[in-house]
Amino acid sequence: MATNNPTSDVLEKIRQQFDSSPYPRTPLEQSPKDNFNLLYIHNFVTPYYLRNQKVINTQDKIILDAGCGTGYKSLVLAEANPGAKIVGVDISAESIKLAKQRLEYHGFNNTEFYVLPVEDLPQIGYEFDYINCDELLYLFPDIAIALQAMKSVLKADGIIRSNLHSSIQRFNYFRAQKVFTMMGLMDSNPEDLEVEIVIESMKALKDNINLKATTWNSQYEEAEDRKERILMNFLFQGDKGYTITDLFAALRTSELEFINMVNWRKWDLMQLFKEPDNLPAFLAMSLPEISQEEQLQLFELLQPVHRLLDFWCGHPQQQHTFVPISEWTDSEWQRATVYLHPQLKSPQFQEDLFACIREVRPLTISRYLSPPEEVISIDSSIAPCLVPLLEQPQTIISLAKRWQQIRPIDPVTLAPNDEQQIFDVIKQLLLKLEELGYLMLEC
């Protein structure tokens, strides 16, 4: 397709790259069922609760996978959102062909796939509850235009998940791409020859040369997927980097509201300090006053460890009417309904929960959803309170009564356990598990 438009030239190169090397190259038979964290991120329930403090049912929701590639994330979305319709679009016809095969192989029939650019989404005729645009947005010449295209087909209370390459964290790879552009390896669609030239060139450098030391490792030479790794890092057509400032500027231009980072706990600015509760006077006074955008910007400048600026956004919402859980009164707590996150309703989790209770050992709940770095465990004495949640939501009162049946007396004094004490114990457990994302609370 000949054109004098530089933007169209880049788009054609991107399409050719993914037609010749469809991405990701995840085996057709590979299932995400046991990847709890991946399912958690792609479950519409997760961001919806973060924004609204409400639990939503995914049945009959319509979910778009924009830039679906070979369909592995489409499969993840189908697994994570039972009863939802999955629609995938991509500019690569070869990728779409593989995506269809993947979903059919795993038994998902409520799907549709289209060879279509994001700008033409209105042609499909759907409005979407959730849009997943993973590893695509940073390839657009103007990310605000792409966000506006997705916004145009997003329902009023819908949510978009997307991401950008970090220009700070990925700086050395952009340097490498510049080197190989100068060598002419990206003049057209990179193939096996260009990949081999990259390998030979990097191997020829001394190990202490900065570019090699900061970007290269043995996997680029030995791994079975080395071609894919090199294409997606060193020879990636159209790849660009952005900052938190760029992200928020694009959201403002698109009139979209930032909800949160996808791995929000790993963007906690206070966790970068040795003693968060004992900061120098200037920081102690100023940090609580800065905006969420400024907090994220400061985190990225201090600790640029995230390759992706991975975020959720949506249409601007009316002022939130719910009371933050940290501000609930006892009356609100007594009316609260407790939900186990859907991704914990798995046979593996149930089996582990029952075993820990019967064998009187702690339940390591972070084995199943582990955004924080630390190990999160629940004492076997209180873990039985989670059992009823496997079947259906419960009130905090019913959970307190269950624990009172299990622990009617204080094991030290042998006196009957006080109802208020029991309520407070259950409340503290729920607060901890809700904050970490394992439970959801509605009042």
Protein backbone atom coordinates (compact mmCIF):
# COMPACT_ATOMS: atom_id res chain seq x y z
CA MET A 1 0.00 0.00 0.00
CA ALA A 2 1.93 3.04 -1.23
CA THR A 3 1.33 6.39 0.47
CA ASN A 4 3.03 9.73 1.03
CA ASN A 5 1.54 10.11 4.50
CA PRO A 6 4.23 9.36 7.17
CA THR A 7 1.56 8.33 9.68
CA SER A 8 0.02 5.89 7.18
CA ASP A 9 3.49 4.54 6.40
CA VAL A 10 4.09 3.76 10.08
CA LEU A 11 0.64 2.19 10.42
CA GLU A 12 1.32 -0.03 7.40
CA LYS A 13 4.67 -1.09 8.88
CA ILE A 14 2.94 -1.97 12.17
CA ARG A 15 0.29 -3.99 10.33
CA GLN A 16 2.93 -5.84 8.32
CA GLN A 17 4.94 -6.60 11.46
CA PHE A 18 1.95 -8.17 13.20
CA ASP A 19 0.77 -10.01 10.08
CA SER A 20 4.18 -11.64 9.69
CA SER A 21 4.77 -12.09 13.44
CA PRO A 22 1.35 -12.23 15.17
CA TYR A 23 1.51 -11.24 18.85
CA PRO A 24 1.40 -12.64 21.43
CA ARG A 25 2.69 -16.07 20.46
CA THR A 26 0.96 -17.74 23.38
CA PRO A 27 0.22 -21.40 22.54
CA LEU A 28 -3.36 -22.00 21.44
CA GLU A 29 -4.01 -24.52 24.21
CA GLN A 30 -2.67 -22.35 27.05
CA SER A 31 -5.40 -21.34 29.50
CA PRO A 32 -5.30 -18.40 31.94
CA LYS A 33 -7.58 -20.14 34.46
CA ASP A 34 -4.83 -20.46 37.06
CA ASN A 35 -3.38 -16.98 36.55
CA PHE A 36 -5.38 -15.31 39.30
CA ASN A 37 -3.69 -11.92 39.10
CA LEU A 38 -4.19 -11.67 35.34
CA LEU A 39 -7.87 -12.55 35.71
CA TYR A 40 -8.22 -10.07 38.57
CA ILE A 41 -6.90 -7.21 36.43
CA HIS A 42 -9.19 -8.12 33.51
CA ASN A 43 -12.32 -8.60 35.60
CA PHE A 44 -14.73 -5.69 35.06
CA VAL A 45 -15.74 -6.07 38.72
CA THR A 46 -12.32 -4.82 39.89
CA PRO A 47 -12.26 -1.27 38.41
CA TYR A 48 -16.02 -0.85 38.74
CA TYR A 49 -15.77 -1.41 42.49
CA LEU A 50 -12.74 0.89 42.78
CA ARG A 51 -14.70 3.74 41.19
CA ASN A 52 -18.20 3.12 42.55
CA GLN A 53 -17.78 1.02 45.72
CA LYS A 54 -20.42 -1.23 44.18
CA VAL A 55 -20.27 -4.82 42.94
CA ILE A 56 -21.43 -5.48 39.37
CA ASN A 57 -22.48 -8.69 37.64
CA THR A 58 -20.68 -9.36 34.35
CA GLN A 59 -23.56 -11.37 32.87
CA ASP A 60 -24.63 -9.93 29.47
CA LYS A 61 -22.01 -7.17 29.59
CA ILE A 62 -20.33 -6.29 26.26
CA ILE A 63 -16.55 -6.12 26.41
CA LEU A 64 -14.22 -4.87 23.69
CA ASP A 65 -10.63 -6.05 23.28
CA ALA A 66 -9.16 -3.23 21.17
CA GLY A 67 -5.99 -4.40 19.45
CA CYS A 68 -6.73 -7.99 20.42
CA GLY A 69 -3.79 -9.49 18.51
CA THR A 70 -3.89 -13.28 18.61
CA GLY A 71 -6.64 -13.20 21.22
CA TYR A 72 -4.96 -14.31 24.43
CA LYS A 73 -6.23 -11.26 26.33
CA SER A 74 -9.65 -11.82 24.71
CA LEU A 75 -9.55 -15.29 26.25
CA VAL A 76 -8.56 -13.81 29.61
CA LEU A 77 -11.47 -11.37 29.39
CA ALA A 78 -13.87 -14.22 28.60
CA GLU A 79 -12.61 -16.30 31.54
CA ALA A 80 -12.64 -13.35 33.96
CA ASN A 81 -16.11 -12.07 33.03
CA PRO A 82 -18.61 -14.95 32.96
CA GLY A 83 -21.60 -14.36 30.71
CA ALA A 84 -20.08 -11.38 28.89
CA LYS A 85 -19.91 -10.96 25.13
CA ILE A 86 -16.34 -10.46 23.88
CA VAL A 87 -15.68 -8.36 20.77
CA GLY A 88 -12.14 -8.12 19.39
CA VAL A 89 -10.69 -5.76 16.78
CA ASP A 90 -7.22 -5.57 15.25
CA ILE A 91 -5.65 -4.23 12.05
CA SER A 92 -3.84 -7.53 11.47
CA ALA A 93 -5.97 -10.07 9.57
CA GLU A 94 -3.58 -12.89 10.53
CA SER A 95 -3.93 -12.01 14.20
CA ILE A 96 -7.72 -11.94 13.99
CA LYS A 97 -7.71 -15.38 12.39
CA LEU A 98 -5.72 -16.78 15.33
CA ALA A 99 -7.90 -14.97 17.87
CA LYS A 100 -11.05 -16.60 16.48
CA GLN A 101 -9.38 -20.03 16.63
CA ARG A 102 -8.26 -19.45 20.22
CA LEU A 103 -11.67 -18.53 21.60
CA GLU A 104 -13.37 -21.37 19.72
CA TYR A 105 -10.75 -23.84 21.00
CA HIS A 106 -11.53 -22.88 24.59
CA GLY A 107 -15.29 -23.13 24.09
CA PHE A 108 -16.26 -19.44 24.00
CA ASN A 109 -18.85 -18.81 21.33
CA ASN A 110 -20.32 -15.47 22.42
CA THR A 111 -17.60 -13.60 20.54
CA GLU A 112 -17.10 -11.44 17.46
CA PHE A 113 -13.84 -10.40 15.77
CA TYR A 114 -13.22 -7.70 13.18
CA VAL A 115 -10.24 -6.55 11.11
CA LEU A 116 -10.68 -2.91 11.98
CA PRO A 117 -8.68 0.09 13.25
CA VAL A 118 -9.70 1.64 16.56
CA GLU A 119 -10.72 4.86 14.79
CA ASP A 120 -13.53 2.94 13.03
CA LEU A 121 -15.06 1.38 16.16
CA PRO A 122 -18.49 3.06 15.65
CA GLN A 123 -18.91 0.90 12.52
CA ILE A 124 -19.44 -2.19 14.71
CA GLY A 125 -22.65 -0.78 16.16
CA TYR A 126 -22.03 -1.64 19.82
CA GLU A 127 -21.72 0.39 23.00
CA PHE A 128 -19.35 -1.28 25.44
CA ASP A 129 -19.42 -1.73 29.20
CA TYR A 130 -15.69 -2.31 29.33
CA ILE A 131 -12.87 -1.70 26.85
CA ASN A 132 -9.49 -3.37 27.16
CA CYS A 133 -6.83 -1.63 25.05
CA ASP A 134 -3.63 -3.37 26.05
CA GLU A 135 -0.19 -2.65 24.52
CA LEU A 136 -1.68 -0.55 21.72
CA LEU A 137 -2.29 3.06 22.73
CA TYR A 138 1.39 4.03 22.63
CA LEU A 139 1.52 3.16 18.89
CA PHE A 140 -0.90 5.96 17.96
CA PRO A 141 0.50 9.26 16.65
CA ASP A 142 -2.01 11.05 18.91
CA ILE A 143 -3.14 9.08 21.94
CA ALA A 144 -5.99 11.52 22.67
CA ILE A 145 -7.59 10.70 19.31
CA ALA A 146 -7.48 6.97 20.11
CA LEU A 147 -8.97 7.58 23.56
CA GLN A 148 -11.74 9.69 22.04
CA ALA A 149 -12.52 6.91 19.56
CA MET A 150 -12.95 4.43 22.41
CA LYS A 151 -14.92 6.97 24.45
CA SER A 152 -17.37 7.35 21.55
CA VAL A 153 -18.47 3.70 21.93
CA LEU A 154 -18.27 3.52 25.75
CA LYS A 155 -21.46 3.35 27.81
CA ALA A 156 -22.09 6.16 30.30
CA ASP A 157 -20.88 4.08 33.26
CA GLY A 158 -18.35 2.08 31.22
CA ILE A 159 -14.63 1.82 31.91
CA ILE A 160 -11.55 1.80 29.66
CA ARG A 161 -8.35 0.03 30.59
CA SER A 162 -5.31 1.07 28.58
CA ASN A 163 -1.58 1.68 28.94
CA LEU A 164 1.39 3.59 27.61
CA HIS A 165 5.06 2.74 27.48
CA SER A 166 6.97 4.73 30.09
CA SER A 167 9.51 6.99 28.41
CA ILE A 168 11.59 7.01 31.62
CA GLN A 169 11.61 3.28 32.41
CA ARG A 170 12.00 2.24 28.77
CA PHE A 171 14.52 4.91 27.82
CA ASN A 172 17.35 2.47 27.03
CA TYR A 173 15.18 0.42 24.65
CA PHE A 174 14.26 3.59 22.77
CA ARG A 175 18.00 4.26 22.45
CA ALA A 176 18.45 0.77 21.01
CA GLN A 177 15.59 1.30 18.54
CA LYS A 178 17.29 4.50 17.40
CA VAL A 179 20.56 2.61 16.84
CA PHE A 180 18.88 -0.05 14.72
CA THR A 181 16.90 2.58 12.83
CA MET A 182 20.22 4.23 11.93
CA MET A 183 21.42 0.82 10.71
CA GLY A 184 18.40 0.60 8.37
CA LEU A 185 16.87 -2.42 10.13
CA MET A 186 13.47 -0.74 10.45
CA ASP A 187 13.19 0.74 6.97
CA SER A 188 10.69 -1.99 6.15
CA ASN A 189 9.10 -4.86 8.06
CA PRO A 190 11.84 -6.52 10.19
CA GLU A 191 12.18 -10.25 9.51
CA ASP A 192 14.58 -13.04 10.52
CA LEU A 193 17.56 -11.34 8.88
CA GLU A 194 17.08 -8.13 10.87
CA VAL A 195 16.62 -10.11 14.08
CA GLU A 196 19.91 -11.94 13.49
CA ILE A 197 21.70 -8.66 12.81
CA VAL A 198 20.45 -7.34 16.15
CA ILE A 199 21.73 -10.44 17.94
CA GLU A 200 25.12 -10.32 16.21
CA SER A 201 25.50 -6.59 16.84
CA MET A 202 24.69 -6.81 20.55
CA LYS A 203 26.91 -9.87 21.05
CA ALA A 204 29.77 -8.00 19.39
CA LEU A 205 29.65 -5.21 21.99
CA LYS A 206 31.68 -5.44 25.17
CA ASP A 207 29.56 -6.48 28.13
CA ASN A 208 30.20 -3.23 29.98
CA ILE A 209 28.94 -1.01 27.17
CA ASN A 210 25.98 0.86 28.67
CA LEU A 211 23.37 0.01 26.03
CA LYS A 212 24.17 -3.70 26.21
CA ALA A 213 24.42 -3.73 30.00
CA THR A 214 21.00 -2.06 30.39
CA THR A 215 18.98 -3.88 27.71
CA TRP A 216 20.53 -7.21 26.76
CA ASN A 217 20.43 -10.64 28.37
CA SER A 218 20.88 -14.24 27.32
CA GLN A 219 17.16 -14.75 26.64
CA TYR A 220 17.49 -12.65 23.49
CA GLU A 221 19.97 -15.24 22.19
CA GLU A 222 18.67 -18.53 23.63
CA ALA A 223 14.93 -18.37 24.36
CA GLU A 224 12.50 -20.05 21.98
CA ASP A 225 10.60 -16.78 21.66
CA ARG A 226 13.75 -14.68 21.08
CA LYS A 227 12.42 -13.38 17.74
CA GLU A 228 9.26 -12.10 19.39
CA ARG A 229 11.25 -10.54 22.25
CA ILE A 230 13.59 -8.72 19.87
CA LEU A 231 10.80 -7.52 17.58
CA MET A 232 8.79 -6.15 20.53
CA ASN A 233 11.74 -4.38 22.13
CA PHE A 234 14.53 -3.56 19.66
CA LEU A 235 12.67 -3.50 16.32
CA PHE A 236 9.19 -2.38 17.38
CA GLN A 237 7.67 -0.20 14.66
CA GLY A 238 5.93 2.93 15.96
CA ASP A 239 6.96 2.38 19.58
CA LYS A 240 6.93 5.55 21.71
CA GLY A 241 7.23 6.49 25.36
CA TYR A 242 5.16 8.77 27.57
CA THR A 243 5.12 10.20 31.09
CA ILE A 244 2.41 10.49 33.73
CA THR A 245 2.06 14.14 32.68
CA ASP A 246 1.43 13.05 29.07
CA LEU A 247 -1.16 10.54 30.25
CA PHE A 248 -3.19 13.03 32.26
CA ALA A 249 -2.94 15.65 29.51
CA ALA A 250 -4.42 13.16 27.02
CA LEU A 251 -7.24 12.29 29.43
CA ARG A 252 -8.09 15.97 29.84
CA THR A 253 -8.08 16.50 26.07
CA SER A 254 -10.33 13.45 25.66
CA GLU A 255 -12.58 14.56 28.53
CA LEU A 256 -12.07 11.25 30.31
CA GLU A 257 -11.80 10.80 34.07
CA PHE A 258 -8.84 8.97 35.59
CA ILE A 259 -9.95 6.15 37.90
CA ASN A 260 -6.72 4.53 39.08
CA MET A 261 -3.59 2.73 37.99
CA VAL A 262 -4.25 -0.95 37.27
CA ASN A 263 -1.61 -2.09 39.79
CA TRP A 264 -2.44 0.80 42.10
CA ARG A 265 -0.80 -0.63 45.21
CA LYS A 266 2.54 -0.77 43.41
CA TRP A 267 2.25 2.98 42.76
CA ASP A 268 2.01 3.87 46.45
CA LEU A 269 4.33 6.85 46.92
CA MET A 270 4.58 6.42 50.69
CA GLN A 271 6.04 2.92 50.28
CA LEU A 272 9.19 4.49 48.83
CA PHE A 273 10.16 5.94 52.22
CA LYS A 274 11.95 4.10 55.03
CA GLU A 275 9.56 5.44 57.65
CA PRO A 276 6.33 6.71 56.04
CA ASP A 277 4.98 7.80 59.43
CA ASN A 278 8.14 9.71 60.31
CA LEU A 279 8.95 11.85 57.27
CA PRO A 280 11.05 15.00 57.29
CA ALA A 281 8.91 18.03 58.17
CA PHE A 282 8.73 19.45 54.63
CA LEU A 283 7.64 16.12 53.10
CA ALA A 284 5.22 15.40 55.95
CA MET A 285 3.46 18.72 55.31
CA SER A 286 3.56 18.81 51.51
CA LEU A 287 2.97 15.23 50.31
CA PRO A 288 -0.57 14.89 51.72
CA GLU A 289 -1.56 18.07 49.85
CA ILE A 290 -0.47 17.10 46.32
CA SER A 291 -2.89 15.73 43.73
CA GLN A 292 -3.12 12.12 42.62
CA GLU A 293 -1.48 13.10 39.33
CA GLU A 294 1.43 14.71 41.20
CA GLN A 295 1.82 11.68 43.46
CA LEU A 296 2.06 9.37 40.47
CA GLN A 297 4.42 11.73 38.68
CA LEU A 298 6.68 11.90 41.73
CA PHE A 299 6.64 8.11 42.07
CA GLU A 300 7.68 7.69 38.45
CA LEU A 301 10.54 10.17 38.84
CA LEU A 302 11.79 8.55 42.04
CA GLN A 303 11.22 4.90 41.10
CA PRO A 304 10.69 4.29 37.35
CA VAL A 305 10.20 0.53 37.61
CA HIS A 306 6.96 0.19 35.64
CA ARG A 307 7.33 -0.48 31.92
CA LEU A 308 3.67 0.35 31.44
CA LEU A 309 1.68 3.32 32.66
CA ASP A 310 -1.32 1.02 33.03
CA PHE A 311 -4.56 2.82 33.95
CA TRP A 312 -8.35 2.78 34.11
CA CYS A 313 -10.49 5.71 33.00
CA GLY A 314 -14.08 6.47 32.02
CA HIS A 315 -16.64 9.16 31.34
CA PRO A 316 -16.62 11.87 34.03
CA GLN A 317 -19.01 10.74 36.76
CA GLN A 318 -21.26 12.84 38.93
CA GLN A 319 -19.98 13.51 42.42
CA HIS A 320 -19.62 10.18 44.21
CA THR A 321 -22.33 9.78 46.84
CA PHE A 322 -20.91 6.83 48.74
CA VAL A 323 -19.12 7.19 52.07
CA PRO A 324 -15.55 5.82 52.04
CA ILE A 325 -15.33 2.63 54.06
CA SER A 326 -12.69 4.19 56.31
CA GLU A 327 -15.37 6.69 57.41
CA TRP A 328 -18.20 4.22 58.05
CA THR A 329 -20.08 4.43 61.33
CA ASP A 330 -21.02 1.31 63.32
CA SER A 331 -24.52 1.65 61.89
CA GLU A 332 -23.18 1.52 58.33
CA TRP A 333 -20.98 -1.44 59.19
CA GLN A 334 -23.96 -3.34 60.58
CA ARG A 335 -25.82 -2.83 57.27
CA ALA A 336 -22.83 -3.83 55.16
CA THR A 337 -22.82 -6.70 52.68
CA VAL A 338 -19.57 -8.59 52.14
CA TYR A 339 -18.54 -10.06 48.76
CA LEU A 340 -15.61 -12.32 47.99
CA HIS A 341 -13.85 -11.15 44.85
CA PRO A 342 -15.00 -13.43 41.99
CA GLN A 343 -11.42 -14.50 41.20
CA LEU A 344 -11.20 -16.15 44.63
CA LYS A 345 -14.22 -18.33 43.89
CA SER A 346 -12.07 -21.07 42.46
CA PRO A 347 -11.71 -24.78 43.33
CA GLN A 348 -8.08 -24.21 44.26
CA PHE A 349 -8.85 -21.45 46.72
CA GLN A 350 -11.73 -23.41 48.26
CA GLU A 351 -9.56 -26.50 48.68
CA ASP A 352 -6.77 -24.49 50.31
CA LEU A 353 -9.20 -22.64 52.59
CA PHE A 354 -10.78 -25.87 53.83
CA ALA A 355 -7.38 -27.52 54.35
CA CYS A 356 -6.03 -24.58 56.36
CA ILE A 357 -9.08 -24.59 58.63
CA ARG A 358 -8.96 -28.35 59.23
CA GLU A 359 -5.19 -28.48 59.68
CA VAL A 360 -5.15 -25.36 61.89
CA ARG A 361 -2.60 -23.45 59.82
CA PRO A 362 -2.63 -19.93 58.36
CA LEU A 363 -4.25 -19.33 54.98
CA THR A 364 -1.76 -17.61 52.65
CA ILE A 365 -4.33 -15.67 50.68
CA SER A 366 -1.69 -13.74 48.71
CA ARG A 367 -1.01 -16.93 46.74
CA TYR A 368 -4.18 -16.15 44.81
CA LEU A 369 -4.13 -12.38 44.44
CA SER A 370 -0.84 -10.77 45.28
CA PRO A 371 -0.53 -7.13 44.21
CA PRO A 372 1.42 -6.29 47.39
CA GLU A 373 4.94 -7.63 47.78
CA GLU A 374 4.42 -8.98 51.30
CA VAL A 375 2.88 -12.34 52.13
CA ILE A 376 -0.70 -11.94 53.38
CA SER A 377 -1.99 -14.66 55.70
CA ILE A 378 -5.19 -15.19 57.66
CA ASP A 379 -5.25 -17.02 60.96
CA SER A 380 -6.97 -20.40 60.83
CA SER A 381 -9.23 -19.40 63.73
CA ILE A 382 -10.93 -16.66 61.71
CA ALA A 383 -10.57 -18.10 58.19
CA PRO A 384 -13.90 -20.03 58.55
CA CYS A 385 -15.67 -16.66 58.17
CA LEU A 386 -14.73 -16.76 54.48
CA VAL A 387 -16.45 -20.10 53.84
CA PRO A 388 -20.03 -18.77 53.40
CA LEU A 389 -18.71 -16.13 50.96
CA LEU A 390 -17.79 -18.88 48.52
CA GLU A 391 -21.51 -19.41 47.93
CA GLN A 392 -23.00 -15.93 48.20
CA PRO A 393 -22.54 -12.48 49.76
CA GLN A 394 -23.05 -12.20 53.51
CA THR A 395 -23.83 -9.49 56.02
CA ILE A 396 -21.16 -8.67 58.56
CA ILE A 397 -23.67 -9.63 61.26
CA SER A 398 -24.02 -13.15 59.85
CA LEU A 399 -20.22 -13.53 59.68
CA ALA A 400 -19.90 -12.36 63.28
CA LYS A 401 -22.53 -14.87 64.40
CA ARG A 402 -20.68 -17.64 62.55
CA TRP A 403 -17.42 -16.81 64.27
CA GLN A 404 -19.19 -16.66 67.65
CA GLN A 405 -20.40 -20.22 67.08
CA ILE A 406 -16.85 -21.32 66.28
CA ARG A 407 -15.22 -19.34 69.11
CA PRO A 408 -17.90 -18.94 71.79
CA ILE A 409 -15.38 -18.45 74.61
CA ASP A 410 -12.14 -16.56 75.05
CA PRO A 411 -9.33 -19.18 74.90
CA VAL A 412 -7.39 -17.35 77.63
CA THR A 413 -10.06 -16.38 80.16
CA LEU A 414 -12.64 -19.04 79.17
CA ALA A 415 -15.26 -16.29 79.50
CA PRO A 416 -17.92 -15.97 76.78
CA ASN A 417 -16.76 -13.78 73.92
CA ASP A 418 -18.35 -10.34 73.99
CA GLU A 419 -20.52 -9.59 70.92
CA GLN A 420 -18.91 -6.19 70.41
CA GLN A 421 -15.44 -7.69 70.56
CA ILE A 422 -16.44 -10.30 67.97
CA PHE A 423 -17.90 -7.59 65.73
CA ASP A 424 -14.68 -5.56 65.99
CA VAL A 425 -12.51 -8.58 65.15
CA ILE A 426 -14.56 -9.32 62.03
CA LYS A 427 -14.58 -5.63 61.09
CA GLN A 428 -10.77 -5.40 61.25
CA LEU A 429 -10.41 -8.55 59.14
CA LEU A 430 -12.78 -7.18 56.50
CA LEU A 431 -11.06 -3.80 56.45
CA LYS A 432 -7.70 -5.43 55.80
CA LEU A 433 -8.98 -7.79 53.10
CA GLU A 434 -11.01 -5.05 51.38
CA GLU A 435 -8.04 -2.71 51.27
CA LEU A 436 -5.97 -5.45 49.62
CA GLY A 437 -8.71 -6.25 47.07
CA TYR A 438 -9.70 -9.70 48.30
CA LEU A 439 -13.14 -8.61 49.50
CA MET A 440 -15.65 -5.95 48.48
CA LEU A 441 -18.03 -4.16 50.82
CA GLU A 442 -21.35 -2.47 50.05
CA CYS A 443 -23.55 -0.48 52.39
